[in-house]
Amino acid sequence: MSGMTDCRVKRIYEPVAEDDGFRVLVDRLWPRGVSREEAAVDLWLKEVAPSAELRQWFGHDPERFAEFRERNRDELDTNPAFTRLQQLTADHERVTLLYGARDRQHNQAVVLRELLE
């Protein structure tokens, strides 16, 4: 990868790996049952998470994911926290976006990675 950050997505409940690089939690709420020590989060960027309204509407329903992705992207267009995340990915060789959701395919971290790439 020439000058491109390697951006990964990972559940916060998975073990910390040495090659995670800079670990950013992108959930608005701290994940249940994870201590701050275990999480080894470099930055909790809760402001980059979807709005409460959008999160509740989505409800982790895979059938709503396509529309969730569009609405989430619209929110991120005007979100200064997303600009900060872009800067972080420029500053670090690898960034791992952490999330708490059970669904690995349908969550905001996946949307963020798509936008960052």
Protein backbone atom coordinates (compact mmCIF):
# COMPACT_ATOMS: atom_id res chain seq x y z
CA MET A 1 0.00 0.00 0.00
CA SER A 2 1.66 3.20 -1.07
CA GLY A 3 1.04 5.84 1.56
CA MET A 4 -2.38 4.36 2.29
CA THR A 5 -3.38 3.61 5.82
CA ASP A 6 -4.36 0.05 6.51
CA CYS A 7 -7.79 0.47 8.06
CA ARG A 8 -9.28 -2.51 9.87
CA VAL A 9 -12.58 -3.19 11.58
CA LYS A 10 -12.76 -5.39 14.68
CA ARG A 11 -15.15 -6.24 17.49
CA ILE A 12 -13.89 -4.82 20.75
CA TYR A 13 -14.51 -8.22 22.35
CA GLU A 14 -11.78 -9.81 20.22
CA PRO A 15 -8.31 -10.03 21.78
CA VAL A 16 -5.98 -7.09 21.30
CA ALA A 17 -3.36 -7.85 18.65
CA GLU A 18 0.03 -6.23 18.33
CA ASP A 19 -0.67 -5.41 14.70
CA ASP A 20 -3.91 -3.54 15.44
CA GLY A 21 -2.01 -0.27 15.25
CA PHE A 22 -3.95 2.75 16.54
CA ARG A 23 -7.18 1.49 18.15
CA VAL A 24 -10.23 3.76 17.85
CA LEU A 25 -13.56 2.92 19.47
CA VAL A 26 -16.31 4.32 17.21
CA ASP A 27 -19.35 3.50 19.39
CA ARG A 28 -21.30 6.19 21.20
CA LEU A 29 -21.70 3.95 24.27
CA TRP A 30 -18.88 2.11 26.00
CA PRO A 31 -19.34 -1.62 25.28
CA ARG A 32 -20.78 -3.71 28.12
CA GLY A 33 -18.48 -5.98 30.05
CA VAL A 34 -15.22 -4.55 28.71
CA SER A 35 -12.85 -2.80 31.10
CA ARG A 36 -10.81 0.16 29.90
CA GLU A 37 -7.65 -1.87 30.49
CA GLU A 38 -8.85 -4.85 28.44
CA ALA A 39 -10.04 -2.61 25.63
CA ALA A 40 -6.63 -0.98 25.13
CA VAL A 41 -8.31 1.83 23.20
CA ASP A 42 -6.05 4.63 22.00
CA LEU A 43 -8.98 6.93 21.33
CA TRP A 44 -12.71 6.75 22.06
CA LEU A 45 -14.16 8.87 19.26
CA LYS A 46 -17.81 8.63 20.27
CA GLU A 47 -18.73 11.76 18.28
CA VAL A 48 -18.14 9.85 15.02
CA ALA A 49 -20.90 7.34 15.89
CA PRO A 50 -24.35 7.59 14.31
CA SER A 51 -26.87 9.84 16.03
CA ALA A 52 -29.09 8.24 18.67
CA GLU A 53 -32.08 8.64 16.32
CA LEU A 54 -30.32 6.87 13.47
CA ARG A 55 -29.00 4.11 15.71
CA GLN A 56 -32.47 3.44 17.13
CA TRP A 57 -34.08 3.48 13.69
CA PHE A 58 -31.50 1.02 12.35
CA GLY A 59 -31.69 -1.33 15.34
CA HIS A 60 -29.02 -3.54 13.74
CA ASP A 61 -31.58 -4.77 11.21
CA PRO A 62 -29.62 -6.06 8.16
CA GLU A 63 -32.57 -5.19 5.88
CA ARG A 64 -32.18 -1.54 6.85
CA PHE A 65 -28.41 -1.47 6.39
CA ALA A 66 -28.36 -0.02 2.87
CA GLU A 67 -30.45 2.94 3.97
CA PHE A 68 -28.55 3.17 7.27
CA ARG A 69 -25.31 3.45 5.29
CA GLU A 70 -26.73 6.34 3.23
CA ARG A 71 -28.11 8.20 6.25
CA ASN A 72 -24.91 7.62 8.20
CA ARG A 73 -22.82 8.97 5.32
CA ASP A 74 -25.02 12.08 5.22
CA GLU A 75 -24.40 12.64 8.93
CA LEU A 76 -20.66 12.13 8.50
CA ASP A 77 -20.52 14.71 5.70
CA THR A 78 -21.00 17.45 8.26
CA ASN A 79 -19.37 15.76 11.24
CA PRO A 80 -16.04 17.26 12.40
CA ALA A 81 -15.24 13.99 14.20
CA PHE A 82 -15.05 12.25 10.81
CA THR A 83 -12.50 14.82 9.66
CA ARG A 84 -10.52 14.03 12.81
CA LEU A 85 -10.70 10.31 12.00
CA GLN A 86 -9.44 10.98 8.47
CA GLN A 87 -6.50 12.88 9.98
CA LEU A 88 -5.75 9.97 12.32
CA THR A 89 -5.69 7.52 9.44
CA ALA A 90 -3.25 9.81 7.67
CA ASP A 91 -1.04 9.97 10.77
CA HIS A 92 -0.92 6.23 11.51
CA GLU A 93 0.22 3.31 9.42
CA ARG A 94 -2.64 1.16 10.63
CA VAL A 95 -5.91 2.11 12.32
CA THR A 96 -8.33 -0.43 13.76
CA LEU A 97 -11.93 0.75 14.17
CA LEU A 98 -13.52 -0.97 17.15
CA TYR A 99 -17.22 -1.56 17.67
CA GLY A 100 -19.38 -3.56 20.06
CA ALA A 101 -22.18 -4.84 17.80
CA ARG A 102 -22.57 -8.58 17.26
CA ASP A 103 -23.14 -8.23 13.53
CA ARG A 104 -19.77 -7.97 11.77
CA GLN A 105 -21.18 -7.00 8.34
CA HIS A 106 -23.79 -4.42 9.32
CA ASN A 107 -22.42 -1.75 11.63
CA GLN A 108 -21.14 1.83 11.58
CA ALA A 109 -17.47 0.79 11.67
CA VAL A 110 -17.94 -0.91 8.29
CA VAL A 111 -19.43 2.32 6.87
CA LEU A 112 -16.54 4.36 8.29
CA ARG A 113 -13.95 2.05 6.76
CA GLU A 114 -15.63 2.28 3.35
CA LEU A 115 -15.55 6.08 3.53
CA LEU A 116 -11.94 6.17 4.71
CA GLU A 117 -10.79 3.92 1.89
